[in-house]
């Protein structure tokens, strides 16, 4: 919960240094058959063969292919490192650009990681799947605690007055914030 809360501030107010990257070239890359026509998880699995050859691990974001230039672009993320693997299919070379990320950038990556966008590709790295289970488990736990808390509040008559007072204070605070935003 704290990681999600802190990462929201970073997502909105961060200054990221994208110029601090290193790159290297790897030759004699074996390009998997029909990678240019693959889609979804199949494309990720084939691209993983390339990233293993160049020594980069992490969550593959997408695979972009330029037919005219016969080049693949494969962005890879994991907490602490962002990398882009640019593969020239004609020359069978790959240029790998890496950038170290800060702790707050890593937390922001984890914040966005289990999301629904590009769902057929997401979760292609083991640790991303682990994080997804932890994030989902946290959400379900909070929902369970909320529902059982409301049930217990309703069941215990002595706590109803305090609960109603707190709900009233929450509603008043909400309207005060909305009024402050409108002015």
N, C-alpha and C. Protein backbone atom coordinates (compact mmCIF):
# COMPACT_ATOMS: atom_id res chain seq x y z
N UNK A 1 0.83 -1.19 0.00
CA UNK A 1 0.00 0.00 0.00
C UNK A 1 0.87 1.25 0.00
N UNK A 2 1.91 1.24 0.83
CA UNK A 2 2.81 2.40 0.90
C UNK A 2 3.53 2.58 -0.42
N UNK A 3 3.96 1.48 -1.05
CA UNK A 3 4.66 1.58 -2.34
C UNK A 3 3.77 2.22 -3.39
N UNK A 4 2.50 1.83 -3.44
CA UNK A 4 1.59 2.44 -4.40
C UNK A 4 1.38 3.92 -4.10
N UNK A 5 1.23 4.27 -2.83
CA UNK A 5 0.99 5.67 -2.46
C UNK A 5 2.19 6.54 -2.80
N UNK A 6 3.39 6.09 -2.49
CA UNK A 6 4.60 6.87 -2.78
C UNK A 6 4.81 6.99 -4.28
N UNK A 7 4.56 5.91 -5.01
CA UNK A 7 4.80 5.95 -6.45
C UNK A 7 3.87 6.90 -7.18
N UNK A 8 2.68 7.15 -6.65
CA UNK A 8 1.77 8.11 -7.28
C UNK A 8 2.40 9.50 -7.28
N UNK A 9 3.02 9.90 -6.18
CA UNK A 9 3.68 11.21 -6.14
C UNK A 9 4.82 11.26 -7.14
N UNK A 10 5.58 10.16 -7.25
CA UNK A 10 6.69 10.13 -8.20
C UNK A 10 6.17 10.20 -9.64
N UNK A 11 5.08 9.48 -9.94
CA UNK A 11 4.53 9.50 -11.30
C UNK A 11 4.12 10.90 -11.71
N UNK A 12 3.63 11.68 -10.77
CA UNK A 12 3.14 13.02 -11.09
C UNK A 12 4.21 14.11 -11.04
N UNK A 13 5.28 13.91 -10.26
CA UNK A 13 6.22 15.00 -10.03
C UNK A 13 7.68 14.63 -10.29
N UNK A 14 7.94 13.56 -11.01
CA UNK A 14 9.32 13.08 -11.17
C UNK A 14 10.08 13.85 -12.23
N UNK A 15 11.36 13.94 -12.02
CA UNK A 15 12.29 14.42 -13.03
C UNK A 15 13.23 13.25 -13.32
N UNK A 16 13.08 12.68 -14.51
CA UNK A 16 13.84 11.49 -14.88
C UNK A 16 14.94 11.88 -15.85
N UNK A 17 16.17 11.45 -15.55
CA UNK A 17 17.31 11.71 -16.42
C UNK A 17 17.41 10.58 -17.44
N UNK A 18 16.87 10.82 -18.66
CA UNK A 18 16.87 9.78 -19.68
C UNK A 18 18.17 9.76 -20.49
N UNK A 19 19.05 10.72 -20.27
CA UNK A 19 20.29 10.79 -21.03
C UNK A 19 21.41 9.94 -20.46
N UNK A 20 21.26 9.44 -19.26
CA UNK A 20 22.34 8.69 -18.61
C UNK A 20 22.23 7.21 -18.94
N UNK A 21 22.57 6.85 -20.18
CA UNK A 21 22.50 5.45 -20.57
C UNK A 21 23.82 5.00 -21.18
N UNK A 22 24.03 3.72 -21.16
CA UNK A 22 25.20 3.13 -21.79
C UNK A 22 24.71 2.19 -22.87
N UNK A 23 25.52 1.97 -23.89
CA UNK A 23 25.11 1.06 -24.96
C UNK A 23 26.29 0.22 -25.41
N UNK A 24 25.95 -0.93 -25.95
CA UNK A 24 26.96 -1.82 -26.53
C UNK A 24 26.31 -2.59 -27.67
N UNK A 25 27.15 -3.13 -28.54
CA UNK A 25 26.67 -3.85 -29.71
C UNK A 25 27.05 -5.32 -29.60
N UNK A 26 26.12 -6.17 -29.98
CA UNK A 26 26.36 -7.61 -30.01
C UNK A 26 26.15 -8.09 -31.44
N UNK A 27 27.11 -8.85 -31.95
CA UNK A 27 27.02 -9.35 -33.32
C UNK A 27 26.60 -10.80 -33.37
N UNK A 28 26.35 -11.27 -34.59
CA UNK A 28 25.99 -12.65 -34.87
C UNK A 28 24.77 -13.10 -34.06
N UNK A 29 23.73 -12.30 -34.10
CA UNK A 29 22.47 -12.60 -33.41
C UNK A 29 21.65 -13.56 -34.27
N UNK A 30 21.13 -14.58 -33.65
CA UNK A 30 20.23 -15.51 -34.33
C UNK A 30 18.81 -14.96 -34.20
N UNK A 31 18.20 -14.63 -35.32
CA UNK A 31 16.85 -14.08 -35.35
C UNK A 31 15.86 -15.24 -35.44
N UNK A 32 14.93 -15.37 -34.50
CA UNK A 32 13.95 -16.45 -34.55
C UNK A 32 13.09 -16.37 -35.81
N UNK A 33 12.72 -17.51 -36.34
CA UNK A 33 11.92 -17.57 -37.57
C UNK A 33 10.57 -16.90 -37.37
N UNK A 34 10.17 -16.14 -38.37
CA UNK A 34 8.86 -15.50 -38.45
C UNK A 34 8.56 -14.57 -37.27
N UNK A 35 9.59 -13.98 -36.67
CA UNK A 35 9.38 -13.02 -35.59
C UNK A 35 8.60 -11.80 -36.08
N UNK A 36 8.84 -11.40 -37.32
CA UNK A 36 8.17 -10.20 -37.85
C UNK A 36 6.66 -10.38 -37.99
N UNK A 37 6.19 -11.63 -38.05
CA UNK A 37 4.75 -11.88 -38.19
C UNK A 37 4.09 -12.31 -36.89
N UNK A 38 4.87 -12.56 -35.86
CA UNK A 38 4.32 -13.04 -34.60
C UNK A 38 3.61 -11.91 -33.86
N UNK A 39 2.60 -12.28 -33.09
CA UNK A 39 1.83 -11.30 -32.30
C UNK A 39 1.67 -11.82 -30.88
N UNK A 40 1.44 -10.89 -29.94
CA UNK A 40 1.13 -11.24 -28.56
C UNK A 40 2.23 -12.04 -27.88
N UNK A 41 1.81 -13.05 -27.15
CA UNK A 41 2.74 -13.84 -26.35
C UNK A 41 3.74 -14.59 -27.22
N UNK A 42 3.32 -15.01 -28.41
CA UNK A 42 4.23 -15.70 -29.32
C UNK A 42 5.39 -14.79 -29.71
N UNK A 43 5.10 -13.52 -29.99
CA UNK A 43 6.15 -12.57 -30.34
C UNK A 43 7.10 -12.35 -29.16
N UNK A 44 6.54 -12.28 -27.95
CA UNK A 44 7.37 -12.10 -26.76
C UNK A 44 8.30 -13.30 -26.57
N UNK A 45 7.76 -14.49 -26.74
CA UNK A 45 8.58 -15.69 -26.57
C UNK A 45 9.72 -15.74 -27.58
N UNK A 46 9.44 -15.34 -28.81
CA UNK A 46 10.50 -15.31 -29.82
C UNK A 46 11.50 -14.20 -29.55
N UNK A 47 11.02 -13.04 -29.11
CA UNK A 47 11.92 -11.93 -28.78
C UNK A 47 12.79 -12.28 -27.58
N UNK A 48 12.26 -13.09 -26.67
CA UNK A 48 13.04 -13.51 -25.50
C UNK A 48 14.31 -14.26 -25.94
N UNK A 49 14.24 -14.99 -27.06
CA UNK A 49 15.43 -15.67 -27.58
C UNK A 49 16.53 -14.66 -27.91
N UNK A 50 16.14 -13.50 -28.43
CA UNK A 50 17.13 -12.46 -28.75
C UNK A 50 17.66 -11.83 -27.47
N UNK A 51 16.77 -11.49 -26.54
CA UNK A 51 17.24 -10.82 -25.32
C UNK A 51 18.14 -11.73 -24.50
N UNK A 52 17.90 -13.04 -24.55
CA UNK A 52 18.80 -13.97 -23.86
C UNK A 52 20.19 -13.97 -24.50
N UNK A 53 20.25 -13.81 -25.81
CA UNK A 53 21.53 -13.78 -26.50
C UNK A 53 22.36 -12.55 -26.14
N UNK A 54 21.69 -11.43 -25.87
CA UNK A 54 22.41 -10.20 -25.55
C UNK A 54 22.56 -9.98 -24.05
N UNK A 55 22.00 -10.88 -23.25
CA UNK A 55 22.18 -10.82 -21.80
C UNK A 55 21.31 -9.82 -21.08
N UNK A 56 20.10 -9.59 -21.58
CA UNK A 56 19.19 -8.65 -20.93
C UNK A 56 17.97 -9.43 -20.45
N UNK A 57 17.60 -9.24 -19.18
CA UNK A 57 16.42 -9.90 -18.64
C UNK A 57 15.44 -8.84 -18.15
N UNK A 58 14.18 -9.19 -18.11
CA UNK A 58 13.16 -8.28 -17.61
C UNK A 58 11.86 -8.46 -18.38
N UNK A 59 10.94 -7.55 -18.13
CA UNK A 59 9.62 -7.55 -18.75
C UNK A 59 9.70 -6.88 -20.11
N UNK A 60 9.37 -7.61 -21.16
CA UNK A 60 9.34 -7.05 -22.51
C UNK A 60 8.04 -6.27 -22.66
N UNK A 61 8.16 -4.98 -23.01
CA UNK A 61 6.98 -4.13 -23.14
C UNK A 61 6.21 -4.37 -24.41
N UNK A 62 6.91 -4.47 -25.53
CA UNK A 62 6.29 -4.71 -26.84
C UNK A 62 7.42 -5.02 -27.82
N UNK A 63 7.05 -5.41 -29.03
CA UNK A 63 8.02 -5.64 -30.09
C UNK A 63 7.56 -4.83 -31.29
N UNK A 64 8.39 -3.89 -31.70
CA UNK A 64 8.05 -3.07 -32.87
C UNK A 64 8.95 -3.51 -34.03
N UNK A 65 8.36 -3.70 -35.19
CA UNK A 65 9.12 -4.13 -36.36
C UNK A 65 8.94 -3.14 -37.48
N UNK A 66 10.05 -2.70 -38.08
CA UNK A 66 10.03 -1.81 -39.24
C UNK A 66 10.40 -2.65 -40.46
N UNK A 67 9.42 -2.92 -41.31
CA UNK A 67 9.68 -3.75 -42.50
C UNK A 67 10.68 -3.09 -43.44
N UNK A 68 10.55 -1.78 -43.63
CA UNK A 68 11.43 -1.08 -44.56
C UNK A 68 12.89 -1.19 -44.14
N UNK A 69 13.16 -1.00 -42.85
CA UNK A 69 14.53 -1.06 -42.36
C UNK A 69 14.92 -2.45 -41.86
N UNK A 70 13.95 -3.33 -41.74
CA UNK A 70 14.13 -4.67 -41.18
C UNK A 70 14.84 -4.60 -39.83
N UNK A 71 14.20 -3.82 -38.92
CA UNK A 71 14.72 -3.62 -37.57
C UNK A 71 13.63 -3.92 -36.56
N UNK A 72 14.05 -4.50 -35.45
CA UNK A 72 13.17 -4.75 -34.32
C UNK A 72 13.59 -3.84 -33.17
N UNK A 73 12.62 -3.32 -32.45
CA UNK A 73 12.89 -2.56 -31.23
C UNK A 73 12.15 -3.27 -30.10
N UNK A 74 12.93 -3.63 -29.06
CA UNK A 74 12.37 -4.39 -27.94
C UNK A 74 12.72 -3.67 -26.64
N UNK A 75 11.78 -2.92 -26.04
CA UNK A 75 12.04 -2.30 -24.74
C UNK A 75 11.85 -3.32 -23.62
N UNK A 76 12.77 -3.29 -22.66
CA UNK A 76 12.74 -4.23 -21.55
C UNK A 76 12.89 -3.45 -20.26
N UNK A 77 12.03 -3.76 -19.28
CA UNK A 77 12.07 -3.06 -17.99
C UNK A 77 12.12 -4.06 -16.86
N UNK A 78 12.77 -3.64 -15.82
CA UNK A 78 12.74 -4.33 -14.54
C UNK A 78 13.14 -3.31 -13.49
N UNK A 79 12.79 -3.53 -12.25
CA UNK A 79 13.18 -2.55 -11.23
C UNK A 79 14.70 -2.36 -11.22
N UNK A 80 15.12 -1.12 -11.40
CA UNK A 80 16.54 -0.80 -11.39
C UNK A 80 17.16 -0.60 -12.75
N UNK A 81 16.55 -1.13 -13.81
CA UNK A 81 17.15 -1.04 -15.15
C UNK A 81 16.05 -0.94 -16.21
N UNK A 82 16.27 -0.04 -17.17
CA UNK A 82 15.47 -0.01 -18.39
C UNK A 82 16.44 -0.23 -19.54
N UNK A 83 16.04 -1.05 -20.50
CA UNK A 83 16.90 -1.33 -21.64
C UNK A 83 16.08 -1.30 -22.92
N UNK A 84 16.75 -0.98 -24.01
CA UNK A 84 16.15 -1.04 -25.33
C UNK A 84 17.10 -1.85 -26.20
N UNK A 85 16.58 -2.90 -26.80
CA UNK A 85 17.36 -3.73 -27.71
C UNK A 85 16.88 -3.43 -29.12
N UNK A 86 17.78 -2.88 -29.94
CA UNK A 86 17.48 -2.57 -31.34
C UNK A 86 18.22 -3.57 -32.20
N UNK A 87 17.45 -4.40 -32.92
CA UNK A 87 18.02 -5.49 -33.70
C UNK A 87 17.94 -5.15 -35.18
N UNK A 88 19.09 -5.22 -35.85
CA UNK A 88 19.15 -5.07 -37.30
C UNK A 88 19.12 -6.48 -37.88
N UNK A 89 17.99 -6.88 -38.47
CA UNK A 89 17.82 -8.25 -38.96
C UNK A 89 18.72 -8.54 -40.14
N UNK A 90 19.04 -7.54 -40.96
CA UNK A 90 19.91 -7.75 -42.13
C UNK A 90 21.34 -8.03 -41.70
N UNK A 91 21.86 -7.24 -40.76
CA UNK A 91 23.25 -7.39 -40.31
C UNK A 91 23.39 -8.40 -39.18
N UNK A 92 22.25 -8.79 -38.60
CA UNK A 92 22.21 -9.71 -37.46
C UNK A 92 23.02 -9.17 -36.28
N UNK A 93 22.81 -7.88 -36.00
CA UNK A 93 23.45 -7.23 -34.85
C UNK A 93 22.37 -6.63 -33.97
N UNK A 94 22.74 -6.42 -32.72
CA UNK A 94 21.82 -5.79 -31.77
C UNK A 94 22.57 -4.72 -31.00
N UNK A 95 21.96 -3.56 -30.87
CA UNK A 95 22.50 -2.48 -30.05
C UNK A 95 21.65 -2.44 -28.79
N UNK A 96 22.29 -2.60 -27.64
CA UNK A 96 21.60 -2.62 -26.36
C UNK A 96 21.92 -1.32 -25.63
N UNK A 97 20.89 -0.55 -25.31
CA UNK A 97 21.04 0.67 -24.52
C UNK A 97 20.42 0.42 -23.15
N UNK A 98 21.21 0.65 -22.11
CA UNK A 98 20.73 0.43 -20.74
C UNK A 98 20.78 1.73 -19.96
N UNK A 99 19.80 1.88 -19.07
CA UNK A 99 19.77 3.04 -18.19
C UNK A 99 19.38 2.57 -16.81
N UNK A 100 20.22 2.90 -15.84
CA UNK A 100 19.89 2.57 -14.45
C UNK A 100 18.78 3.49 -13.98
N UNK A 101 17.84 2.93 -13.23
CA UNK A 101 16.74 3.74 -12.71
C UNK A 101 16.89 3.88 -11.20
N UNK A 102 16.33 4.95 -10.69
CA UNK A 102 16.41 5.22 -9.25
C UNK A 102 15.40 4.34 -8.51
N UNK A 103 15.48 4.38 -7.21
CA UNK A 103 14.54 3.62 -6.38
C UNK A 103 13.10 4.06 -6.63
N UNK A 104 12.88 5.38 -6.72
CA UNK A 104 11.52 5.87 -6.96
C UNK A 104 11.02 5.49 -8.35
N UNK A 105 11.90 5.49 -9.35
CA UNK A 105 11.49 5.03 -10.68
C UNK A 105 11.13 3.55 -10.65
N UNK A 106 11.87 2.78 -9.87
CA UNK A 106 11.58 1.35 -9.75
C UNK A 106 10.23 1.12 -9.10
N UNK A 107 9.92 1.89 -8.08
CA UNK A 107 8.61 1.76 -7.42
C UNK A 107 7.50 2.18 -8.38
N UNK A 108 7.74 3.22 -9.18
CA UNK A 108 6.75 3.64 -10.16
C UNK A 108 6.54 2.56 -11.22
N UNK A 109 7.62 1.90 -11.63
CA UNK A 109 7.50 0.78 -12.57
C UNK A 109 6.62 -0.31 -11.97
N UNK A 110 6.84 -0.64 -10.72
CA UNK A 110 6.02 -1.67 -10.06
C UNK A 110 4.56 -1.22 -9.96
N UNK A 111 4.35 0.08 -9.76
CA UNK A 111 3.00 0.63 -9.67
C UNK A 111 2.23 0.38 -10.97
N UNK A 112 2.89 0.60 -12.10
CA UNK A 112 2.23 0.46 -13.40
C UNK A 112 2.25 -0.97 -13.92
N UNK A 113 3.05 -1.82 -13.33
CA UNK A 113 3.32 -3.14 -13.88
C UNK A 113 2.13 -4.07 -14.01
N UNK A 114 1.30 -4.28 -13.01
CA UNK A 114 0.26 -5.30 -13.20
C UNK A 114 -0.96 -4.81 -13.96
N UNK A 115 -0.88 -3.67 -14.59
CA UNK A 115 -2.05 -3.06 -15.22
C UNK A 115 -2.64 -3.84 -16.38
N UNK A 116 -3.83 -3.44 -16.83
CA UNK A 116 -4.55 -4.17 -17.86
C UNK A 116 -4.10 -3.84 -19.29
N UNK A 117 -3.26 -2.82 -19.47
CA UNK A 117 -2.87 -2.41 -20.81
C UNK A 117 -1.96 -3.47 -21.43
N UNK A 118 -2.22 -3.76 -22.70
CA UNK A 118 -1.41 -4.72 -23.45
C UNK A 118 -1.39 -6.08 -22.73
N UNK A 119 -2.56 -6.53 -22.29
CA UNK A 119 -2.67 -7.70 -21.41
C UNK A 119 -2.16 -8.99 -22.04
N UNK A 120 -2.21 -9.09 -23.37
CA UNK A 120 -1.72 -10.33 -23.98
C UNK A 120 -0.20 -10.44 -23.95
N UNK A 121 0.48 -9.33 -23.65
CA UNK A 121 1.94 -9.34 -23.57
C UNK A 121 2.42 -9.25 -22.12
N UNK A 122 1.67 -8.60 -21.26
CA UNK A 122 2.09 -8.39 -19.86
C UNK A 122 2.30 -9.70 -19.12
N UNK A 123 3.20 -9.62 -18.15
CA UNK A 123 3.47 -10.78 -17.32
C UNK A 123 4.35 -11.80 -18.00
N UNK A 124 5.27 -11.35 -18.88
CA UNK A 124 6.11 -12.30 -19.60
C UNK A 124 7.44 -12.56 -18.89
N UNK A 125 7.65 -11.95 -17.75
CA UNK A 125 8.85 -12.17 -16.95
C UNK A 125 8.39 -12.76 -15.62
N UNK A 126 9.09 -13.73 -15.08
CA UNK A 126 8.69 -14.43 -13.86
C UNK A 126 8.40 -13.46 -12.72
N UNK A 127 9.30 -12.50 -12.48
CA UNK A 127 9.15 -11.60 -11.33
C UNK A 127 7.97 -10.64 -11.51
N UNK A 128 7.60 -10.35 -12.75
CA UNK A 128 6.40 -9.54 -12.97
C UNK A 128 5.15 -10.33 -12.58
N UNK A 129 5.15 -11.62 -12.89
CA UNK A 129 4.01 -12.46 -12.49
C UNK A 129 3.92 -12.56 -10.97
N UNK A 130 5.07 -12.66 -10.29
CA UNK A 130 5.06 -12.69 -8.82
C UNK A 130 4.50 -11.38 -8.29
N UNK A 131 4.97 -10.25 -8.83
CA UNK A 131 4.49 -8.94 -8.39
C UNK A 131 2.99 -8.81 -8.63
N UNK A 132 2.50 -9.30 -9.77
CA UNK A 132 1.07 -9.23 -10.07
C UNK A 132 0.27 -9.97 -9.00
N UNK A 133 0.74 -11.16 -8.60
CA UNK A 133 0.03 -11.92 -7.57
C UNK A 133 0.04 -11.17 -6.24
N UNK A 134 1.17 -10.55 -5.88
CA UNK A 134 1.24 -9.78 -4.63
C UNK A 134 0.32 -8.57 -4.68
N UNK A 135 0.33 -7.85 -5.80
CA UNK A 135 -0.53 -6.66 -5.93
C UNK A 135 -2.00 -7.05 -5.89
N UNK A 136 -2.38 -8.09 -6.63
CA UNK A 136 -3.77 -8.54 -6.62
C UNK A 136 -4.18 -9.03 -5.23
N UNK A 137 -3.28 -9.76 -4.58
CA UNK A 137 -3.57 -10.24 -3.23
C UNK A 137 -3.80 -9.10 -2.26
N UNK A 138 -3.02 -8.03 -2.40
CA UNK A 138 -3.18 -6.86 -1.54
C UNK A 138 -4.55 -6.21 -1.76
N UNK A 139 -4.95 -6.08 -3.02
CA UNK A 139 -6.26 -5.50 -3.32
C UNK A 139 -7.38 -6.35 -2.74
N UNK A 140 -7.30 -7.67 -2.93
CA UNK A 140 -8.34 -8.54 -2.40
C UNK A 140 -8.38 -8.52 -0.88
N UNK A 141 -7.21 -8.43 -0.25
CA UNK A 141 -7.15 -8.35 1.21
C UNK A 141 -7.81 -7.06 1.72
N UNK A 142 -7.53 -5.94 1.06
CA UNK A 142 -8.13 -4.67 1.47
C UNK A 142 -9.65 -4.72 1.28
N UNK A 143 -10.11 -5.30 0.18
CA UNK A 143 -11.55 -5.44 -0.04
C UNK A 143 -12.18 -6.32 1.03
N UNK A 144 -11.52 -7.43 1.36
CA UNK A 144 -12.04 -8.34 2.39
C UNK A 144 -12.10 -7.63 3.74
N UNK A 145 -11.05 -6.91 4.10
CA UNK A 145 -11.03 -6.19 5.37
C UNK A 145 -12.13 -5.13 5.40
N UNK A 146 -12.34 -4.45 4.28
CA UNK A 146 -13.38 -3.42 4.22
C UNK A 146 -14.77 -4.02 4.40
N UNK A 147 -15.05 -5.08 3.67
CA UNK A 147 -16.38 -5.70 3.75
C UNK A 147 -16.64 -6.26 5.14
N UNK A 148 -15.67 -6.97 5.71
CA UNK A 148 -15.87 -7.53 7.05
C UNK A 148 -15.95 -6.42 8.10
N UNK A 149 -15.22 -5.32 7.87
CA UNK A 149 -15.30 -4.20 8.80
C UNK A 149 -16.68 -3.57 8.80
N UNK A 150 -17.25 -3.39 7.63
CA UNK A 150 -18.60 -2.83 7.54
C UNK A 150 -19.60 -3.80 8.17
N UNK A 151 -19.44 -5.09 7.93
CA UNK A 151 -20.33 -6.08 8.54
C UNK A 151 -20.24 -6.04 10.07
N UNK A 152 -19.02 -6.02 10.60
CA UNK A 152 -18.87 -5.97 12.05
C UNK A 152 -19.40 -4.66 12.62
N UNK A 153 -19.18 -3.56 11.92
CA UNK A 153 -19.70 -2.26 12.38
C UNK A 153 -21.22 -2.31 12.45
N UNK A 154 -21.83 -2.91 11.45
CA UNK A 154 -23.29 -3.00 11.43
C UNK A 154 -23.79 -3.97 12.51
N UNK A 155 -23.03 -5.03 12.78
CA UNK A 155 -23.44 -6.05 13.76
C UNK A 155 -23.32 -5.58 15.20
N UNK A 156 -22.32 -4.76 15.50
CA UNK A 156 -22.08 -4.31 16.87
C UNK A 156 -22.77 -2.95 17.05
N UNK A 157 -23.89 -2.94 17.75
CA UNK A 157 -24.70 -1.74 17.88
C UNK A 157 -23.98 -0.60 18.57
N UNK A 158 -23.10 -0.89 19.51
CA UNK A 158 -22.41 0.16 20.25
C UNK A 158 -21.45 0.98 19.39
N UNK A 159 -21.04 0.47 18.25
CA UNK A 159 -20.09 1.17 17.38
C UNK A 159 -20.77 1.95 16.25
N UNK A 160 -22.05 1.82 16.10
CA UNK A 160 -22.74 2.47 14.98
C UNK A 160 -22.66 3.99 15.06
N UNK A 161 -22.82 4.55 16.25
CA UNK A 161 -22.79 6.00 16.39
C UNK A 161 -21.41 6.55 15.99
N UNK A 162 -20.35 5.91 16.49
CA UNK A 162 -18.99 6.35 16.11
C UNK A 162 -18.76 6.20 14.61
N UNK A 163 -19.23 5.10 14.05
CA UNK A 163 -19.07 4.88 12.61
C UNK A 163 -19.79 5.92 11.79
N UNK A 164 -21.01 6.24 12.18
CA UNK A 164 -21.76 7.27 11.45
C UNK A 164 -21.08 8.63 11.57
N UNK A 165 -20.52 8.94 12.73
CA UNK A 165 -19.81 10.21 12.91
C UNK A 165 -18.59 10.26 12.00
N UNK A 166 -17.85 9.15 11.89
CA UNK A 166 -16.67 9.11 11.01
C UNK A 166 -17.06 9.19 9.54
N UNK A 167 -18.14 8.52 9.16
CA UNK A 167 -18.61 8.63 7.78
C UNK A 167 -19.02 10.06 7.48
N UNK A 168 -19.72 10.71 8.40
CA UNK A 168 -20.09 12.12 8.22
C UNK A 168 -18.87 13.02 8.08
N UNK A 169 -17.85 12.77 8.90
CA UNK A 169 -16.62 13.57 8.81
C UNK A 169 -15.94 13.34 7.46
N UNK A 170 -15.96 12.10 6.97
CA UNK A 170 -15.37 11.81 5.66
C UNK A 170 -16.11 12.51 4.53
N UNK A 171 -17.44 12.50 4.59
CA UNK A 171 -18.24 13.17 3.56
C UNK A 171 -18.01 14.68 3.61
N UNK A 172 -17.95 15.25 4.81
CA UNK A 172 -17.69 16.68 4.95
C UNK A 172 -16.31 17.03 4.39
N UNK A 173 -15.32 16.20 4.65
CA UNK A 173 -13.97 16.44 4.12
C UNK A 173 -13.97 16.37 2.60
N UNK A 174 -14.67 15.39 2.05
CA UNK A 174 -14.77 15.27 0.59
C UNK A 174 -15.35 16.53 -0.02
N UNK A 175 -16.45 17.01 0.52
CA UNK A 175 -17.08 18.21 -0.03
C UNK A 175 -16.20 19.44 0.18
N UNK A 176 -15.46 19.50 1.27
CA UNK A 176 -14.53 20.62 1.48
C UNK A 176 -13.43 20.61 0.43
N UNK A 177 -12.90 19.44 0.10
CA UNK A 177 -11.88 19.34 -0.95
C UNK A 177 -12.46 19.70 -2.32
N UNK A 178 -13.65 19.21 -2.61
CA UNK A 178 -14.28 19.55 -3.88
C UNK A 178 -14.55 21.04 -3.99
N UNK A 179 -14.98 21.65 -2.91
CA UNK A 179 -15.20 23.11 -2.90
C UNK A 179 -13.88 23.83 -3.12
N UNK A 180 -12.80 23.36 -2.46
CA UNK A 180 -11.49 23.97 -2.62
C UNK A 180 -10.97 23.85 -4.04
N UNK A 181 -11.27 22.77 -4.72
CA UNK A 181 -10.84 22.59 -6.10
C UNK A 181 -11.64 23.48 -7.04
N UNK A 182 -12.90 23.69 -6.72
CA UNK A 182 -13.76 24.49 -7.61
C UNK A 182 -13.48 25.99 -7.49
N UNK A 183 -12.95 26.43 -6.37
CA UNK A 183 -12.73 27.86 -6.18
C UNK A 183 -11.45 28.31 -6.82
